[in-house]
């Protein structure tokens, strides 16, 4: 009798597993249509499995395969691209503000653990010793390459590229940005 109960329970569980597998396959189809599929077992896929039933997944697939759905996806991707470009510009502006602060800190500090070592783009700051206590502090800027003119102490005009330069208490070069 016990074997019959166990076999019966297993037989009842098989359709549930098959239904879940079919639903998961449909979720993969839906996510592929929008250009962002996730691996089985991932938290992202589990969120769809938990929050959408199979009828909702079927409706979403039908929508994304329709002309309106394809147009919606194109518009969404365009909006996402604009948002990412704006975010990139905001991050770059923040990096440029930080480098201005860092160069002033380097000029005013003698030594210590709080001194910045690398610029916001990951390149080590350069310090060029002048006569006496005078120094020039240079960030290579976004391209990570120091212009030869930038590392010459005392040079106030030259081809500094996108380098940020602070010398004798003032900025020698601050690249323009929007």
C-alpha atoms as a PDB file:
ATOM      1  CA  UNK A   1       0.000   0.000   0.000  1.00  0.00           C
ATOM      2  CA  UNK A   2       2.833   2.395   0.878  1.00  0.00           C
ATOM      3  CA  UNK A   3       4.465   1.890  -2.555  1.00  0.00           C
ATOM      4  CA  UNK A   4       1.192   2.721  -4.272  1.00  0.00           C
ATOM      5  CA  UNK A   5       0.891   5.998  -2.360  1.00  0.00           C
ATOM      6  CA  UNK A   6       4.477   6.983  -3.220  1.00  0.00           C
ATOM      7  CA  UNK A   7       4.010   6.121  -6.912  1.00  0.00           C
ATOM      8  CA  UNK A   8       0.719   8.042  -6.959  1.00  0.00           C
ATOM      9  CA  UNK A   9       2.371  11.116  -5.464  1.00  0.00           C
ATOM     10  CA  UNK A  10       5.191  10.938  -7.992  1.00  0.00           C
ATOM     11  CA  UNK A  11       2.726  10.654 -10.855  1.00  0.00           C
ATOM     12  CA  UNK A  12       0.845  13.684  -9.558  1.00  0.00           C
ATOM     13  CA  UNK A  13       4.087  15.690  -9.341  1.00  0.00           C
ATOM     14  CA  UNK A  14       5.149  14.961 -12.947  1.00  0.00           C
ATOM     15  CA  UNK A  15       2.571  17.268 -14.572  1.00  0.00           C
ATOM     16  CA  UNK A  16       3.548  20.072 -12.167  1.00  0.00           C
ATOM     17  CA  UNK A  17       7.214  19.744 -13.132  1.00  0.00           C
ATOM     18  CA  UNK A  18       6.283  19.635 -16.824  1.00  0.00           C
ATOM     19  CA  UNK A  19       4.089  22.730 -16.396  1.00  0.00           C
ATOM     20  CA  UNK A  20       6.925  24.589 -14.654  1.00  0.00           C
ATOM     21  CA  UNK A  21       9.368  23.586 -17.410  1.00  0.00           C
ATOM     22  CA  UNK A  22       6.933  24.768 -20.094  1.00  0.00           C
ATOM     23  CA  UNK A  23       6.383  28.065 -18.246  1.00  0.00           C
ATOM     24  CA  UNK A  24      10.160  28.537 -17.838  1.00  0.00           C
ATOM     25  CA  UNK A  25      10.670  27.924 -21.574  1.00  0.00           C
ATOM     26  CA  UNK A  26       8.028  30.553 -22.351  1.00  0.00           C
ATOM     27  CA  UNK A  27       9.684  33.010 -19.972  1.00  0.00           C
ATOM     28  CA  UNK A  28      12.975  32.460 -21.807  1.00  0.00           C
ATOM     29  CA  UNK A  29      11.158  33.157 -25.094  1.00  0.00           C
ATOM     30  CA  UNK A  30       9.620  36.342 -23.676  1.00  0.00           C
ATOM     31  CA  UNK A  31      12.955  37.573 -22.327  1.00  0.00           C
ATOM     32  CA  UNK A  32      14.734  36.770 -25.592  1.00  0.00           C
ATOM     33  CA  UNK A  33      12.200  38.932 -27.422  1.00  0.00           C
ATOM     34  CA  UNK A  34      13.102  41.901 -25.235  1.00  0.00           C
ATOM     35  CA  UNK A  35      16.835  41.169 -25.493  1.00  0.00           C
ATOM     36  CA  UNK A  36      17.601  40.149 -21.914  1.00  0.00           C
ATOM     37  CA  UNK A  37      17.392  36.434 -21.176  1.00  0.00           C
ATOM     38  CA  UNK A  38      18.774  35.060 -17.895  1.00  0.00           C
ATOM     39  CA  UNK A  39      20.113  31.613 -16.927  1.00  0.00           C
ATOM     40  CA  UNK A  40      17.930  29.089 -15.124  1.00  0.00           C
ATOM     41  CA  UNK A  41      18.099  29.504 -11.372  1.00  0.00           C
ATOM     42  CA  UNK A  42      19.151  33.163 -11.541  1.00  0.00           C
ATOM     43  CA  UNK A  43      17.382  35.609  -9.260  1.00  0.00           C
ATOM     44  CA  UNK A  44      16.196  37.567 -12.287  1.00  0.00           C
ATOM     45  CA  UNK A  45      14.535  34.524 -13.884  1.00  0.00           C
ATOM     46  CA  UNK A  46      13.067  33.449 -10.551  1.00  0.00           C
ATOM     47  CA  UNK A  47      11.440  36.880 -10.247  1.00  0.00           C
ATOM     48  CA  UNK A  48       9.560  36.280 -13.506  1.00  0.00           C
ATOM     49  CA  UNK A  49       8.648  32.712 -12.525  1.00  0.00           C
ATOM     50  CA  UNK A  50       7.285  33.940  -9.198  1.00  0.00           C
ATOM     51  CA  UNK A  51       5.460  37.053 -10.354  1.00  0.00           C
ATOM     52  CA  UNK A  52       3.941  35.974 -13.667  1.00  0.00           C
ATOM     53  CA  UNK A  53       1.615  33.102 -14.416  1.00  0.00           C
ATOM     54  CA  UNK A  54       1.699  31.290 -17.741  1.00  0.00           C
ATOM     55  CA  UNK A  55      -1.263  33.262 -19.141  1.00  0.00           C
ATOM     56  CA  UNK A  56       0.542  36.547 -18.427  1.00  0.00           C
ATOM     57  CA  UNK A  57       3.716  35.229 -20.048  1.00  0.00           C
ATOM     58  CA  UNK A  58       1.729  34.168 -23.142  1.00  0.00           C
ATOM     59  CA  UNK A  59       0.139  37.642 -23.310  1.00  0.00           C
ATOM     60  CA  UNK A  60       3.532  39.335 -23.009  1.00  0.00           C
ATOM     61  CA  UNK A  61       4.953  37.158 -25.798  1.00  0.00           C
ATOM     62  CA  UNK A  62       1.995  38.019 -28.021  1.00  0.00           C
ATOM     63  CA  UNK A  63       2.454  41.711 -27.301  1.00  0.00           C
ATOM     64  CA  UNK A  64       6.216  41.752 -27.952  1.00  0.00           C
ATOM     65  CA  UNK A  65       5.691  39.882 -31.224  1.00  0.00           C
ATOM     66  CA  UNK A  66       3.059  42.413 -32.376  1.00  0.00           C
ATOM     67  CA  UNK A  67       3.862  45.585 -34.327  1.00  0.00           C
ATOM     68  CA  UNK A  68       2.990  47.686 -31.271  1.00  0.00           C
ATOM     69  CA  UNK A  69       5.245  45.557 -29.063  1.00  0.00           C
ATOM     70  CA  UNK A  70       8.196  45.803 -31.452  1.00  0.00           C
ATOM     71  CA  UNK A  71       7.703  49.575 -31.684  1.00  0.00           C
ATOM     72  CA  UNK A  72       7.543  49.780 -27.893  1.00  0.00           C
ATOM     73  CA  UNK A  73      10.843  47.872 -27.602  1.00  0.00           C
ATOM     74  CA  UNK A  74      12.542  50.141 -30.146  1.00  0.00           C
ATOM     75  CA  UNK A  75      11.350  53.255 -28.302  1.00  0.00           C
ATOM     76  CA  UNK A  76      12.386  51.773 -24.939  1.00  0.00           C
ATOM     77  CA  UNK A  77      15.870  50.972 -26.194  1.00  0.00           C
ATOM     78  CA  UNK A  78      16.226  54.517 -27.525  1.00  0.00           C
ATOM     79  CA  UNK A  79      15.157  55.948 -24.173  1.00  0.00           C
ATOM     80  CA  UNK A  80      17.539  53.626 -22.318  1.00  0.00           C
ATOM     81  CA  UNK A  81      20.406  54.660 -24.584  1.00  0.00           C
ATOM     82  CA  UNK A  82      19.717  58.346 -23.910  1.00  0.00           C
ATOM     83  CA  UNK A  83      19.525  57.682 -20.174  1.00  0.00           C
ATOM     84  CA  UNK A  84      22.845  55.813 -20.225  1.00  0.00           C
ATOM     85  CA  UNK A  85      24.490  58.642 -22.186  1.00  0.00           C
ATOM     86  CA  UNK A  86      23.217  61.157 -19.637  1.00  0.00           C
ATOM     87  CA  UNK A  87      24.464  58.968 -16.778  1.00  0.00           C
ATOM     88  CA  UNK A  88      27.888  58.653 -18.455  1.00  0.00           C
ATOM     89  CA  UNK A  89      28.069  62.449 -18.855  1.00  0.00           C
ATOM     90  CA  UNK A  90      27.089  62.963 -15.213  1.00  0.00           C
ATOM     91  CA  UNK A  91      29.740  60.500 -14.036  1.00  0.00           C
ATOM     92  CA  UNK A  92      32.388  62.159 -16.191  1.00  0.00           C
ATOM     93  CA  UNK A  93      31.471  65.604 -14.817  1.00  0.00           C
ATOM     94  CA  UNK A  94      31.781  64.206 -11.284  1.00  0.00           C
ATOM     95  CA  UNK A  95      35.224  62.780 -12.099  1.00  0.00           C
ATOM     96  CA  UNK A  96      36.365  66.147 -13.425  1.00  0.00           C
ATOM     97  CA  UNK A  97      35.142  67.946 -10.303  1.00  0.00           C
ATOM     98  CA  UNK A  98      36.922  65.382  -8.138  1.00  0.00           C
ATOM     99  CA  UNK A  99      40.243  65.804  -9.960  1.00  0.00           C
ATOM    100  CA  UNK A 100      40.109  69.565  -9.356  1.00  0.00           C
ATOM    101  CA  UNK A 101      39.627  68.914  -5.645  1.00  0.00           C
ATOM    102  CA  UNK A 102      42.351  66.238  -5.538  1.00  0.00           C
ATOM    103  CA  UNK A 103      44.938  68.486  -7.171  1.00  0.00           C
ATOM    104  CA  UNK A 104      44.286  71.236  -4.633  1.00  0.00           C
ATOM    105  CA  UNK A 105      44.590  68.700  -1.792  1.00  0.00           C
ATOM    106  CA  UNK A 106      47.907  67.472  -3.179  1.00  0.00           C
ATOM    107  CA  UNK A 107      49.219  71.022  -3.354  1.00  0.00           C
ATOM    108  CA  UNK A 108      48.187  71.890   0.205  1.00  0.00           C
ATOM    109  CA  UNK A 109      49.142  68.668   1.972  1.00  0.00           C
ATOM    110  CA  UNK A 110      52.612  67.573   2.935  1.00  0.00           C
ATOM    111  CA  UNK A 111      51.948  63.861   3.341  1.00  0.00           C
ATOM    112  CA  UNK A 112      49.476  61.471   4.880  1.00  0.00           C
ATOM    113  CA  UNK A 113      47.123  58.602   4.192  1.00  0.00           C
ATOM    114  CA  UNK A 114      44.347  60.907   2.958  1.00  0.00           C
ATOM    115  CA  UNK A 115      46.349  62.078  -0.031  1.00  0.00           C
ATOM    116  CA  UNK A 116      44.878  60.975  -3.336  1.00  0.00           C
ATOM    117  CA  UNK A 117      47.144  58.659  -5.271  1.00  0.00           C
ATOM    118  CA  UNK A 118      45.192  58.024  -8.471  1.00  0.00           C
ATOM    119  CA  UNK A 119      42.914  60.279 -10.458  1.00  0.00           C
ATOM    120  CA  UNK A 120      39.231  59.477 -11.049  1.00  0.00           C
ATOM    121  CA  UNK A 121      40.141  57.589 -14.242  1.00  0.00           C
ATOM    122  CA  UNK A 122      42.585  55.270 -12.451  1.00  0.00           C
ATOM    123  CA  UNK A 123      45.942  56.829 -13.431  1.00  0.00           C
ATOM    124  CA  UNK A 124      48.484  57.820 -10.763  1.00  0.00           C
ATOM    125  CA  UNK A 125      48.903  61.547 -10.281  1.00  0.00           C
ATOM    126  CA  UNK A 126      52.323  62.908 -11.239  1.00  0.00           C
ATOM    127  CA  UNK A 127      54.215  65.380  -9.122  1.00  0.00           C
ATOM    128  CA  UNK A 128      56.909  67.426 -10.860  1.00  0.00           C
ATOM    129  CA  UNK A 129      59.358  69.109  -8.508  1.00  0.00           C
ATOM    130  CA  UNK A 130      60.189  72.734  -9.251  1.00  0.00           C
ATOM    131  CA  UNK A 131      62.764  74.963  -7.633  1.00  0.00           C
ATOM    132  CA  UNK A 132      62.525  74.906  -3.831  1.00  0.00           C
ATOM    133  CA  UNK A 133      59.177  73.774  -2.460  1.00  0.00           C
ATOM    134  CA  UNK A 134      57.312  74.452  -5.703  1.00  0.00           C
ATOM    135  CA  UNK A 135      55.547  71.557  -7.427  1.00  0.00           C
ATOM    136  CA  UNK A 136      53.321  70.808 -10.383  1.00  0.00           C
ATOM    137  CA  UNK A 137      50.557  68.205  -9.959  1.00  0.00           C
ATOM    138  CA  UNK A 138      49.181  66.549 -13.057  1.00  0.00           C
ATOM    139  CA  UNK A 139      46.281  64.224 -13.821  1.00  0.00           C
ATOM    140  CA  UNK A 140      46.456  62.447 -17.173  1.00  0.00           C
ATOM    141  CA  UNK A 141      42.713  63.028 -17.613  1.00  0.00           C
ATOM    142  CA  UNK A 142      40.200  60.674 -19.220  1.00  0.00           C
ATOM    143  CA  UNK A 143      42.608  59.234 -21.813  1.00  0.00           C
ATOM    144  CA  UNK A 144      45.130  58.162 -19.143  1.00  0.00           C
ATOM    145  CA  UNK A 145      48.093  59.581 -21.103  1.00  0.00           C
ATOM    146  CA  UNK A 146      50.298  62.444 -19.955  1.00  0.00           C
ATOM    147  CA  UNK A 147      51.045  65.055 -22.592  1.00  0.00           C
ATOM    148  CA  UNK A 148      54.802  65.850 -22.748  1.00  0.00           C
ATOM    149  CA  UNK A 149      54.042  69.560 -22.148  1.00  0.00           C
ATOM    150  CA  UNK A 150      52.017  68.722 -19.039  1.00  0.00           C
ATOM    151  CA  UNK A 151      54.969  67.268 -17.155  1.00  0.00           C
ATOM    152  CA  UNK A 152      57.263  70.270 -17.698  1.00  0.00           C
ATOM    153  CA  UNK A 153      57.403  72.441 -14.595  1.00  0.00           C
ATOM    154  CA  UNK A 154      56.714  76.124 -15.239  1.00  0.00           C
ATOM    155  CA  UNK A 155      55.200  75.686 -18.695  1.00  0.00           C
ATOM    156  CA  UNK A 156      51.992  77.767 -18.703  1.00  0.00           C
ATOM    157  CA  UNK A 157      51.012  77.348 -22.358  1.00  0.00           C
ATOM    158  CA  UNK A 158      51.371  74.290 -24.493  1.00  0.00           C
ATOM    159  CA  UNK A 159      49.689  71.177 -25.784  1.00  0.00           C
ATOM    160  CA  UNK A 160      48.276  69.799 -22.548  1.00  0.00           C
ATOM    161  CA  UNK A 161      45.639  67.593 -24.174  1.00  0.00           C
ATOM    162  CA  UNK A 162      43.004  66.547 -21.648  1.00  0.00           C
ATOM    163  CA  UNK A 163      45.431  66.726 -18.705  1.00  0.00           C
ATOM    164  CA  UNK A 164      44.546  68.647 -15.544  1.00  0.00           C
ATOM    165  CA  UNK A 165      47.451  70.701 -14.188  1.00  0.00           C
ATOM    166  CA  UNK A 166      47.813  72.538 -10.866  1.00  0.00           C
ATOM    167  CA  UNK A 167      50.963  74.548 -10.114  1.00  0.00           C
ATOM    168  CA  UNK A 168      51.829  77.297  -7.644  1.00  0.00           C
ATOM    169  CA  UNK A 169      48.337  77.432  -6.165  1.00  0.00           C
ATOM    170  CA  UNK A 170      46.475  77.771  -9.452  1.00  0.00           C
ATOM    171  CA  UNK A 171      45.228  75.667 -12.315  1.00  0.00           C
ATOM    172  CA  UNK A 172      47.411  75.835 -15.385  1.00  0.00           C
ATOM    173  CA  UNK A 173      45.076  73.661 -17.458  1.00  0.00           C
ATOM    174  CA  UNK A 174      41.478  72.562 -16.952  1.00  0.00           C
ATOM    175  CA  UNK A 175      40.062  70.922 -20.070  1.00  0.00           C
ATOM    176  CA  UNK A 176      36.697  72.248 -21.148  1.00  0.00           C
ATOM    177  CA  UNK A 177      33.645  70.059 -20.714  1.00  0.00           C
ATOM    178  CA  UNK A 178      29.953  70.597 -21.243  1.00  0.00           C
END
